[in-house]
Structures are given as C-alpha cells and as structure tokens.
C-alpha cells in the first residue's frame, strides 16, 4: 500500500449516522468500509472501460471486414446456421 492520504467529504448527517451504525454492526471501522467501496468502484469502472474498449475493437474489426468486402450478408448467415441446425438434428 502506498502513502496514506486524507479524504474529506460532506454528506447528510442522517446518512452519516446510518452508515456509522451499519459499519459498527459489522464490527468494522467506517474508513475500511469506505475503502472497500472505493476499491470495488474503481475495479467496476475499470472493467467497464476495458469491456467497452474490447467491444469497440470488435466493432472496428467487423466494419473493416465489411469495407474490405469480407463480410457476410444476413441471408448467407441464416443459410449457414440453418444448415448447422439441420445437421445437428440429424446427428442426434
């Protein structure tokens, strides 16, 4: 863990009281609960950003494929999968 820093925030007194009571009920310091929330938030947002980048790269590849005339039209895809479904039913 790196150097400690102080984080100050304003919140409603009722919310603070409720939060402190819940942290106490868990026998955990409120600061630890907040750190856990922050770590979860950072991990979630990082994962969302990485997933968004992954999807964007897949879309870019698909668009480039279509522009290079290497794509498949809807009729070709439907026919290919209809053939696969038919072969699966036969092989059962």
PDB file of N, CA and C in Angstrom:
ATOM      1  N   UNK A   1       0.848  -1.164   0.000  1.00  0.00           N
ATOM      2  CA  UNK A   1       0.000   0.000   0.000  1.00  0.00           C
ATOM      3  C   UNK A   1       0.894   1.226   0.000  1.00  0.00           C
ATOM      4  N   UNK A   2       0.464   2.269  -0.726  1.00  0.00           N
ATOM      5  CA  UNK A   2       1.245   3.487  -0.835  1.00  0.00           C
ATOM      6  C   UNK A   2       1.058   4.407   0.354  1.00  0.00           C
ATOM      7  N   UNK A   3       1.464   5.615   0.141  1.00  0.00           N
ATOM      8  CA  UNK A   3       1.378   6.633   1.182  1.00  0.00           C
ATOM      9  C   UNK A   3      -0.089   6.929   1.499  1.00  0.00           C
ATOM     10  N   UNK A   4      -0.395   7.107   2.777  1.00  0.00           N
ATOM     11  CA  UNK A   4      -1.766   7.412   3.186  1.00  0.00           C
ATOM     12  C   UNK A   4      -2.131   8.838   2.808  1.00  0.00           C
ATOM     13  N   UNK A   5      -3.384   9.057   2.500  1.00  0.00           N
ATOM     14  CA  UNK A   5      -3.907  10.382   2.183  1.00  0.00           C
ATOM     15  C   UNK A   5      -5.228  10.549   2.922  1.00  0.00           C
ATOM     16  N   UNK A   6      -5.600  11.772   3.150  1.00  0.00           N
ATOM     17  CA  UNK A   6      -6.854  12.071   3.839  1.00  0.00           C
ATOM     18  C   UNK A   6      -7.890  12.440   2.793  1.00  0.00           C
ATOM     19  N   UNK A   7      -9.074  11.903   2.942  1.00  0.00           N
ATOM     20  CA  UNK A   7     -10.193  12.166   2.034  1.00  0.00           C
ATOM     21  C   UNK A   7     -11.330  12.737   2.877  1.00  0.00           C
ATOM     22  N   UNK A   8     -11.725  13.957   2.571  1.00  0.00           N
ATOM     23  CA  UNK A   8     -12.788  14.615   3.321  1.00  0.00           C
ATOM     24  C   UNK A   8     -13.980  14.792   2.402  1.00  0.00           C
ATOM     25  N   UNK A   9     -15.176  14.523   2.924  1.00  0.00           N
ATOM     26  CA  UNK A   9     -16.375  14.701   2.108  1.00  0.00           C
ATOM     27  C   UNK A   9     -17.528  15.196   2.966  1.00  0.00           C
ATOM     28  N   UNK A  10     -18.457  15.865   2.313  1.00  0.00           N
ATOM     29  CA  UNK A  10     -19.656  16.338   3.003  1.00  0.00           C
ATOM     30  C   UNK A  10     -20.799  15.387   2.683  1.00  0.00           C
ATOM     31  N   UNK A  11     -21.621  15.091   3.681  1.00  0.00           N
ATOM     32  CA  UNK A  11     -22.798  14.267   3.480  1.00  0.00           C
ATOM     33  C   UNK A  11     -23.836  14.608   4.537  1.00  0.00           C
ATOM     34  N   UNK A  12     -25.029  14.171   4.292  1.00  0.00           N
ATOM     35  CA  UNK A  12     -26.123  14.451   5.214  1.00  0.00           C
ATOM     36  C   UNK A  12     -25.852  13.753   6.545  1.00  0.00           C
ATOM     37  N   UNK A  13     -26.232  14.405   7.628  1.00  0.00           N
ATOM     38  CA  UNK A  13     -25.965  13.834   8.955  1.00  0.00           C
ATOM     39  C   UNK A  13     -26.719  12.524   9.166  1.00  0.00           C
ATOM     40  N   UNK A  14     -27.930  12.409   8.619  1.00  0.00           N
ATOM     41  CA  UNK A  14     -28.676  11.155   8.749  1.00  0.00           C
ATOM     42  C   UNK A  14     -27.964  10.014   8.035  1.00  0.00           C
ATOM     43  N   UNK A  15     -27.448  10.297   6.836  1.00  0.00           N
ATOM     44  CA  UNK A  15     -26.723   9.267   6.080  1.00  0.00           C
ATOM     45  C   UNK A  15     -25.467   8.853   6.844  1.00  0.00           C
ATOM     46  N   UNK A  16     -24.750   9.833   7.393  1.00  0.00           N
ATOM     47  CA  UNK A  16     -23.550   9.513   8.161  1.00  0.00           C
ATOM     48  C   UNK A  16     -23.890   8.647   9.368  1.00  0.00           C
ATOM     49  N   UNK A  17     -24.928   9.001  10.082  1.00  0.00           N
ATOM     50  CA  UNK A  17     -25.317   8.239  11.270  1.00  0.00           C
ATOM     51  C   UNK A  17     -25.712   6.814  10.898  1.00  0.00           C
ATOM     52  N   UNK A  18     -26.494   6.668   9.847  1.00  0.00           N
ATOM     53  CA  UNK A  18     -26.900   5.326   9.397  1.00  0.00           C
ATOM     54  C   UNK A  18     -25.695   4.501   8.958  1.00  0.00           C
ATOM     55  N   UNK A  19     -24.789   5.134   8.225  1.00  0.00           N
ATOM     56  CA  UNK A  19     -23.602   4.431   7.753  1.00  0.00           C
ATOM     57  C   UNK A  19     -22.728   3.989   8.929  1.00  0.00           C
ATOM     58  N   UNK A  20     -22.508   4.887   9.857  1.00  0.00           N
ATOM     59  CA  UNK A  20     -21.688   4.561  11.024  1.00  0.00           C
ATOM     60  C   UNK A  20     -22.320   3.416  11.824  1.00  0.00           C
ATOM     61  N   UNK A  21     -23.645   3.422  11.945  1.00  0.00           N
ATOM     62  CA  UNK A  21     -24.328   2.356  12.687  1.00  0.00           C
ATOM     63  C   UNK A  21     -24.165   1.016  11.976  1.00  0.00           C
ATOM     64  N   UNK A  22     -24.275   1.006  10.660  1.00  0.00           N
ATOM     65  CA  UNK A  22     -24.124  -0.246   9.906  1.00  0.00           C
ATOM     66  C   UNK A  22     -22.683  -0.754   9.971  1.00  0.00           C
ATOM     67  N   UNK A  23     -21.731   0.140   9.877  1.00  0.00           N
ATOM     68  CA  UNK A  23     -20.327  -0.267   9.990  1.00  0.00           C
ATOM     69  C   UNK A  23     -20.061  -0.849  11.374  1.00  0.00           C
ATOM     70  N   UNK A  24     -20.614  -0.206  12.394  1.00  0.00           N
ATOM     71  CA  UNK A  24     -20.457  -0.705  13.770  1.00  0.00           C
ATOM     72  C   UNK A  24     -21.096  -2.078  13.918  1.00  0.00           C
ATOM     73  N   UNK A  25     -22.258  -2.276  13.288  1.00  0.00           N
ATOM     74  CA  UNK A  25     -22.939  -3.567  13.372  1.00  0.00           C
ATOM     75  C   UNK A  25     -22.093  -4.678  12.744  1.00  0.00           C
ATOM     76  N   UNK A  26     -21.265  -4.315  11.775  1.00  0.00           N
ATOM     77  CA  UNK A  26     -20.363  -5.284  11.135  1.00  0.00           C
ATOM     78  C   UNK A  26     -19.044  -5.415  11.876  1.00  0.00           C
ATOM     79  N   UNK A  27     -18.881  -4.640  12.924  1.00  0.00           N
ATOM     80  CA  UNK A  27     -17.636  -4.622  13.697  1.00  0.00           C
ATOM     81  C   UNK A  27     -16.456  -4.253  12.812  1.00  0.00           C
ATOM     82  N   UNK A  28     -16.693  -3.269  11.947  1.00  0.00           N
ATOM     83  CA  UNK A  28     -15.646  -2.805  11.038  1.00  0.00           C
ATOM     84  C   UNK A  28     -15.545  -1.292  11.122  1.00  0.00           C
ATOM     85  N   UNK A  29     -14.356  -0.754  11.037  1.00  0.00           N
ATOM     86  CA  UNK A  29     -14.214   0.703  11.012  1.00  0.00           C
ATOM     87  C   UNK A  29     -14.863   1.269   9.741  1.00  0.00           C
ATOM     88  N   UNK A  30     -15.517   2.394   9.895  1.00  0.00           N
ATOM     89  CA  UNK A  30     -16.185   3.023   8.752  1.00  0.00           C
ATOM     90  C   UNK A  30     -15.185   3.314   7.633  1.00  0.00           C
ATOM     91  N   UNK A  31     -13.983   3.705   7.993  1.00  0.00           N
ATOM     92  CA  UNK A  31     -12.976   4.013   6.974  1.00  0.00           C
ATOM     93  C   UNK A  31     -12.635   2.782   6.129  1.00  0.00           C
ATOM     94  N   UNK A  32     -12.627   1.603   6.741  1.00  0.00           N
ATOM     95  CA  UNK A  32     -12.347   0.377   5.992  1.00  0.00           C
ATOM     96  C   UNK A  32     -13.485   0.060   5.028  1.00  0.00           C
ATOM     97  N   UNK A  33     -14.709   0.272   5.477  1.00  0.00           N
ATOM     98  CA  UNK A  33     -15.866   0.046   4.604  1.00  0.00           C
ATOM     99  C   UNK A  33     -15.802   0.989   3.406  1.00  0.00           C
ATOM    100  N   UNK A  34     -15.475   2.260   3.645  1.00  0.00           N
ATOM    101  CA  UNK A  34     -15.367   3.228   2.554  1.00  0.00           C
ATOM    102  C   UNK A  34     -14.247   2.825   1.599  1.00  0.00           C
ATOM    103  N   UNK A  35     -13.103   2.400   2.128  1.00  0.00           N
ATOM    104  CA  UNK A  35     -12.006   1.946   1.252  1.00  0.00           C
ATOM    105  C   UNK A  35     -12.447   0.765   0.397  1.00  0.00           C
ATOM    106  N   UNK A  36     -13.194  -0.159   0.993  1.00  0.00           N
ATOM    107  CA  UNK A  36     -13.702  -1.301   0.224  1.00  0.00           C
ATOM    108  C   UNK A  36     -14.645  -0.843  -0.888  1.00  0.00           C
ATOM    109  N   UNK A  37     -15.535   0.113  -0.549  1.00  0.00           N
ATOM    110  CA  UNK A  37     -16.433   0.664  -1.570  1.00  0.00           C
ATOM    111  C   UNK A  37     -15.631   1.295  -2.702  1.00  0.00           C
ATOM    112  N   UNK A  38     -14.607   2.048  -2.335  1.00  0.00           N
ATOM    113  CA  UNK A  38     -13.793   2.729  -3.342  1.00  0.00           C
ATOM    114  C   UNK A  38     -13.050   1.729  -4.223  1.00  0.00           C
ATOM    115  N   UNK A  39     -12.491   0.682  -3.624  1.00  0.00           N
ATOM    116  CA  UNK A  39     -11.798  -0.337  -4.415  1.00  0.00           C
ATOM    117  C   UNK A  39     -12.765  -1.035  -5.373  1.00  0.00           C
ATOM    118  N   UNK A  40     -13.960  -1.365  -4.873  1.00  0.00           N
ATOM    119  CA  UNK A  40     -14.964  -2.004  -5.724  1.00  0.00           C
ATOM    120  C   UNK A  40     -15.371  -1.087  -6.873  1.00  0.00           C
ATOM    121  N   UNK A  41     -15.565   0.199  -6.566  1.00  0.00           N
ATOM    122  CA  UNK A  41     -15.949   1.169  -7.577  1.00  0.00           C
ATOM    123  C   UNK A  41     -14.879   1.279  -8.655  1.00  0.00           C
ATOM    124  N   UNK A  42     -13.621   1.395  -8.236  1.00  0.00           N
ATOM    125  CA  UNK A  42     -12.511   1.501  -9.187  1.00  0.00           C
ATOM    126  C   UNK A  42     -12.432   0.244 -10.059  1.00  0.00           C
ATOM    127  N   UNK A  43     -12.543  -0.926  -9.447  1.00  0.00           N
ATOM    128  CA  UNK A  43     -12.474  -2.184 -10.210  1.00  0.00           C
ATOM    129  C   UNK A  43     -13.630  -2.293 -11.197  1.00  0.00           C
ATOM    130  N   UNK A  44     -14.835  -1.920 -10.760  1.00  0.00           N
ATOM    131  CA  UNK A  44     -16.007  -1.995 -11.634  1.00  0.00           C
ATOM    132  C   UNK A  44     -15.869  -1.052 -12.823  1.00  0.00           C
ATOM    133  N   UNK A  45     -15.476   0.185 -12.577  1.00  0.00           N
ATOM    134  CA  UNK A  45     -15.346   1.166 -13.661  1.00  0.00           C
ATOM    135  C   UNK A  45     -14.218   0.782 -14.606  1.00  0.00           C
ATOM    136  N   UNK A  46     -13.127   0.262 -14.062  1.00  0.00           N
ATOM    137  CA  UNK A  46     -12.016  -0.180 -14.909  1.00  0.00           C
ATOM    138  C   UNK A  46     -12.476  -1.331 -15.818  1.00  0.00           C
ATOM    139  N   UNK A  47     -13.214  -2.281 -15.246  1.00  0.00           N
ATOM    140  CA  UNK A  47     -13.716  -3.417 -16.035  1.00  0.00           C
ATOM    141  C   UNK A  47     -14.688  -2.941 -17.108  1.00  0.00           C
ATOM    142  N   UNK A  48     -15.550  -1.987 -16.761  1.00  0.00           N
ATOM    143  CA  UNK A  48     -16.492  -1.447 -17.751  1.00  0.00           C
ATOM    144  C   UNK A  48     -15.746  -0.767 -18.894  1.00  0.00           C
ATOM    145  N   UNK A  49     -14.723   0.005 -18.551  1.00  0.00           N
ATOM    146  CA  UNK A  49     -13.939   0.693 -19.575  1.00  0.00           C
ATOM    147  C   UNK A  49     -13.209  -0.309 -20.471  1.00  0.00           C
ATOM    148  N   UNK A  50     -12.629  -1.335 -19.865  1.00  0.00           N
ATOM    149  CA  UNK A  50     -11.923  -2.359 -20.654  1.00  0.00           C
ATOM    150  C   UNK A  50     -12.889  -3.112 -21.555  1.00  0.00           C
ATOM    151  N   UNK A  51     -14.079  -3.417 -21.034  1.00  0.00           N
ATOM    152  CA  UNK A  51     -15.075  -4.110 -21.860  1.00  0.00           C
ATOM    153  C   UNK A  51     -15.519  -3.215 -23.021  1.00  0.00           C
ATOM    154  N   UNK A  52     -15.723  -1.938 -22.722  1.00  0.00           N
ATOM    155  CA  UNK A  52     -16.100  -1.003 -23.784  1.00  0.00           C
ATOM    156  C   UNK A  52     -15.046  -0.932 -24.875  1.00  0.00           C
ATOM    157  N   UNK A  53     -13.782  -0.918 -24.475  1.00  0.00           N
ATOM    158  CA  UNK A  53     -12.690  -0.896 -25.450  1.00  0.00           C
ATOM    159  C   UNK A  53     -12.664  -2.190 -26.256  1.00  0.00           C
ATOM    160  N   UNK A  54     -12.922  -3.319 -25.598  1.00  0.00           N
ATOM    161  CA  UNK A  54     -12.962  -4.612 -26.284  1.00  0.00           C
ATOM    162  C   UNK A  54     -14.077  -4.623 -27.339  1.00  0.00           C
ATOM    163  N   UNK A  55     -15.259  -4.167 -26.946  1.00  0.00           N
ATOM    164  CA  UNK A  55     -16.387  -4.141 -27.879  1.00  0.00           C
ATOM    165  C   UNK A  55     -16.093  -3.191 -29.034  1.00  0.00           C
ATOM    166  N   UNK A  56     -15.533  -2.024 -28.718  1.00  0.00           N
ATOM    167  CA  UNK A  56     -15.207  -1.056 -29.778  1.00  0.00           C
ATOM    168  C   UNK A  56     -14.209  -1.651 -30.769  1.00  0.00           C
ATOM    169  N   UNK A  57     -13.228  -2.407 -30.279  1.00  0.00           N
ATOM    170  CA  UNK A  57     -12.258  -3.013 -31.189  1.00  0.00           C
ATOM    171  C   UNK A  57     -12.910  -4.085 -32.058  1.00  0.00           C
ATOM    172  N   UNK A  58     -13.837  -4.857 -31.475  1.00  0.00           N
ATOM    173  CA  UNK A  58     -14.532  -5.872 -32.267  1.00  0.00           C
ATOM    174  C   UNK A  58     -15.395  -5.220 -33.349  1.00  0.00           C
ATOM    175  N   UNK A  59     -16.064  -4.125 -33.003  1.00  0.00           N
ATOM    176  CA  UNK A  59     -16.891  -3.405 -33.979  1.00  0.00           C
ATOM    177  C   UNK A  59     -16.012  -2.836 -35.085  1.00  0.00           C
ATOM    178  N   UNK A  60     -14.872  -2.260 -34.721  1.00  0.00           N
ATOM    179  CA  UNK A  60     -13.959  -1.712 -35.723  1.00  0.00           C
ATOM    180  C   UNK A  60     -13.460  -2.803 -36.671  1.00  0.00           C
ATOM    181  N   UNK A  61     -13.131  -3.972 -36.131  1.00  0.00           N
ATOM    182  CA  UNK A  61     -12.698  -5.088 -36.985  1.00  0.00           C
ATOM    183  C   UNK A  61     -13.816  -5.531 -37.924  1.00  0.00           C
ATOM    184  N   UNK A  62     -15.024  -5.599 -37.398  1.00  0.00           N
ATOM    185  CA  UNK A  62     -16.155  -6.016 -38.234  1.00  0.00           C
ATOM    186  C   UNK A  62     -16.423  -5.001 -39.342  1.00  0.00           C
ATOM    187  N   UNK A  63     -16.354  -3.712 -38.998  1.00  0.00           N
ATOM    188  CA  UNK A  63     -16.565  -2.674 -40.021  1.00  0.00           C
ATOM    189  C   UNK A  63     -15.478  -2.731 -41.086  1.00  0.00           C
ATOM    190  N   UNK A  64     -14.237  -2.912 -40.664  1.00  0.00           N
ATOM    191  CA  UNK A  64     -13.142  -3.009 -41.627  1.00  0.00           C
ATOM    192  C   UNK A  64     -13.328  -4.222 -42.526  1.00  0.00           C
ATOM    193  N   UNK A  65     -13.790  -5.320 -41.953  1.00  0.00           N
ATOM    194  CA  UNK A  65     -14.041  -6.528 -42.740  1.00  0.00           C
ATOM    195  C   UNK A  65     -15.123  -6.277 -43.785  1.00  0.00           C
ATOM    196  N   UNK A  66     -16.180  -5.599 -43.378  1.00  0.00           N
ATOM    197  CA  UNK A  66     -17.249  -5.291 -44.326  1.00  0.00           C
ATOM    198  C   UNK A  66     -16.770  -4.354 -45.425  1.00  0.00           C
ATOM    199  N   UNK A  67     -15.982  -3.350 -45.054  1.00  0.00           N
ATOM    200  CA  UNK A  67     -15.483  -2.396 -46.051  1.00  0.00           C
ATOM    201  C   UNK A  67     -14.524  -3.067 -47.035  1.00  0.00           C
ATOM    202  N   UNK A  68     -13.838  -4.111 -46.595  1.00  0.00           N
ATOM    203  CA  UNK A  68     -12.924  -4.854 -47.476  1.00  0.00           C
ATOM    204  C   UNK A  68     -13.669  -5.944 -48.231  1.00  0.00           C
ATOM    205  N   UNK A  69     -14.996  -5.923 -48.125  1.00  0.00           N
ATOM    206  CA  UNK A  69     -15.857  -6.903 -48.791  1.00  0.00           C
ATOM    207  C   UNK A  69     -15.560  -8.328 -48.340  1.00  0.00           C
ATOM    208  N   UNK A  70     -15.234  -8.484 -47.052  1.00  0.00           N
ATOM    209  CA  UNK A  70     -15.018  -9.803 -46.486  1.00  0.00           C
ATOM    210  C   UNK A  70     -16.139 -10.167 -45.513  1.00  0.00           C
ATOM    211  N   UNK A  71     -17.208  -9.414 -45.537  1.00  0.00           N
ATOM    212  CA  UNK A  71     -18.306  -9.672 -44.610  1.00  0.00           C
ATOM    213  C   UNK A  71     -19.312 -10.652 -45.177  1.00  0.00           C
ATOM    214  N   UNK A  72     -20.292 -10.968 -44.373  1.00  0.00           N
ATOM    215  CA  UNK A  72     -21.355 -11.877 -44.779  1.00  0.00           C
ATOM    216  C   UNK A  72     -22.679 -11.137 -44.691  1.00  0.00           C
ATOM    217  N   UNK A  73     -23.538 -11.346 -45.669  1.00  0.00           N
ATOM    218  CA  UNK A  73     -24.847 -10.712 -45.566  1.00  0.00           C
ATOM    219  C   UNK A  73     -25.771 -11.599 -44.731  1.00  0.00           C
ATOM    220  N   UNK A  74     -26.883 -11.034 -44.349  1.00  0.00           N
ATOM    221  CA  UNK A  74     -27.805 -11.724 -43.457  1.00  0.00           C
ATOM    222  C   UNK A  74     -28.303 -13.048 -44.051  1.00  0.00           C
ATOM    223  N   UNK A  75     -28.569 -13.070 -45.338  1.00  0.00           N
ATOM    224  CA  UNK A  75     -29.060 -14.300 -45.965  1.00  0.00           C
ATOM    225  C   UNK A  75     -28.024 -15.425 -45.894  1.00  0.00           C
ATOM    226  N   UNK A  76     -26.752 -15.081 -46.111  1.00  0.00           N
ATOM    227  CA  UNK A  76     -25.690 -16.087 -46.026  1.00  0.00           C
ATOM    228  C   UNK A  76     -25.570 -16.648 -44.610  1.00  0.00           C
ATOM    229  N   UNK A  77     -25.646 -15.769 -43.614  1.00  0.00           N
ATOM    230  CA  UNK A  77     -25.548 -16.206 -42.219  1.00  0.00           C
ATOM    231  C   UNK A  77     -26.722 -17.104 -41.866  1.00  0.00           C
ATOM    232  N   UNK A  78     -27.924 -16.692 -42.246  1.00  0.00           N
ATOM    233  CA  UNK A  78     -29.113 -17.508 -41.955  1.00  0.00           C
ATOM    234  C   UNK A  78     -29.011 -18.876 -42.615  1.00  0.00           C
ATOM    235  N   UNK A  79     -28.551 -18.918 -43.843  1.00  0.00           N
ATOM    236  CA  UNK A  79     -28.423 -20.197 -44.549  1.00  0.00           C
ATOM    237  C   UNK A  79     -27.382 -21.093 -43.883  1.00  0.00           C
ATOM    238  N   UNK A  80     -26.264 -20.520 -43.494  1.00  0.00           N
ATOM    239  CA  UNK A  80     -25.214 -21.311 -42.850  1.00  0.00           C
ATOM    240  C   UNK A  80     -25.708 -21.908 -41.537  1.00  0.00           C
ATOM    241  N   UNK A  81     -26.418 -21.115 -40.753  1.00  0.00           N
ATOM    242  CA  UNK A  81     -26.890 -21.637 -39.474  1.00  0.00           C
ATOM    243  C   UNK A  81     -28.082 -22.573 -39.630  1.00  0.00           C
ATOM    244  N   UNK A  82     -28.885 -22.374 -40.652  1.00  0.00           N
ATOM    245  CA  UNK A  82     -29.958 -23.332 -40.921  1.00  0.00           C
ATOM    246  C   UNK A  82     -29.349 -24.687 -41.264  1.00  0.00           C
ATOM    247  N   UNK A  83     -28.269 -24.671 -42.037  1.00  0.00           N
ATOM    248  CA  UNK A  83     -27.569 -25.913 -42.369  1.00  0.00           C
ATOM    249  C   UNK A  83     -26.994 -26.570 -41.112  1.00  0.00           C
ATOM    250  N   UNK A  84     -26.395 -25.789 -40.237  1.00  0.00           N
ATOM    251  CA  UNK A  84     -25.844 -26.341 -38.994  1.00  0.00           C
ATOM    252  C   UNK A  84     -26.945 -26.945 -38.126  1.00  0.00           C
ATOM    253  N   UNK A  85     -28.065 -26.223 -38.004  1.00  0.00           N
ATOM    254  CA  UNK A  85     -29.173 -26.751 -37.200  1.00  0.00           C
ATOM    255  C   UNK A  85     -29.687 -28.059 -37.780  1.00  0.00           C
ATOM    256  N   UNK A  86     -29.786 -28.135 -39.100  1.00  0.00           N
ATOM    257  CA  UNK A  86     -30.265 -29.358 -39.745  1.00  0.00           C
ATOM    258  C   UNK A  86     -29.296 -30.513 -39.492  1.00  0.00           C
ATOM    259  N   UNK A  87     -27.987 -30.258 -39.593  1.00  0.00           N
ATOM    260  CA  UNK A  87     -27.004 -31.315 -39.348  1.00  0.00           C
ATOM    261  C   UNK A  87     -27.013 -31.754 -37.896  1.00  0.00           C
ATOM    262  N   UNK A  88     -27.247 -30.855 -36.979  1.00  0.00           N
ATOM    263  CA  UNK A  88     -27.299 -31.202 -35.561  1.00  0.00           C
ATOM    264  C   UNK A  88     -28.497 -32.095 -35.283  1.00  0.00           C
ATOM    265  N   UNK A  89     -29.632 -31.780 -35.868  1.00  0.00           N
ATOM    266  CA  UNK A  89     -30.830 -32.597 -35.653  1.00  0.00           C
ATOM    267  C   UNK A  89     -30.644 -34.020 -36.199  1.00  0.00           C
ATOM    268  N   UNK A  90     -29.968 -34.145 -37.306  1.00  0.00           N
ATOM    269  CA  UNK A  90     -29.758 -35.446 -37.923  1.00  0.00           C
ATOM    270  C   UNK A  90     -28.796 -36.286 -37.080  1.00  0.00           C
ATOM    271  N   UNK A  91     -27.752 -35.646 -36.550  1.00  0.00           N
ATOM    272  CA  UNK A  91     -26.720 -36.404 -35.844  1.00  0.00           C
ATOM    273  C   UNK A  91     -27.137 -36.808 -34.445  1.00  0.00           C
ATOM    274  N   UNK A  92     -28.276 -36.394 -33.967  1.00  0.00           N
ATOM    275  CA  UNK A  92     -28.710 -36.762 -32.613  1.00  0.00           C
ATOM    276  C   UNK A  92     -29.018 -38.206 -32.476  1.00  0.00           C
TER     277      UNK A  92
END
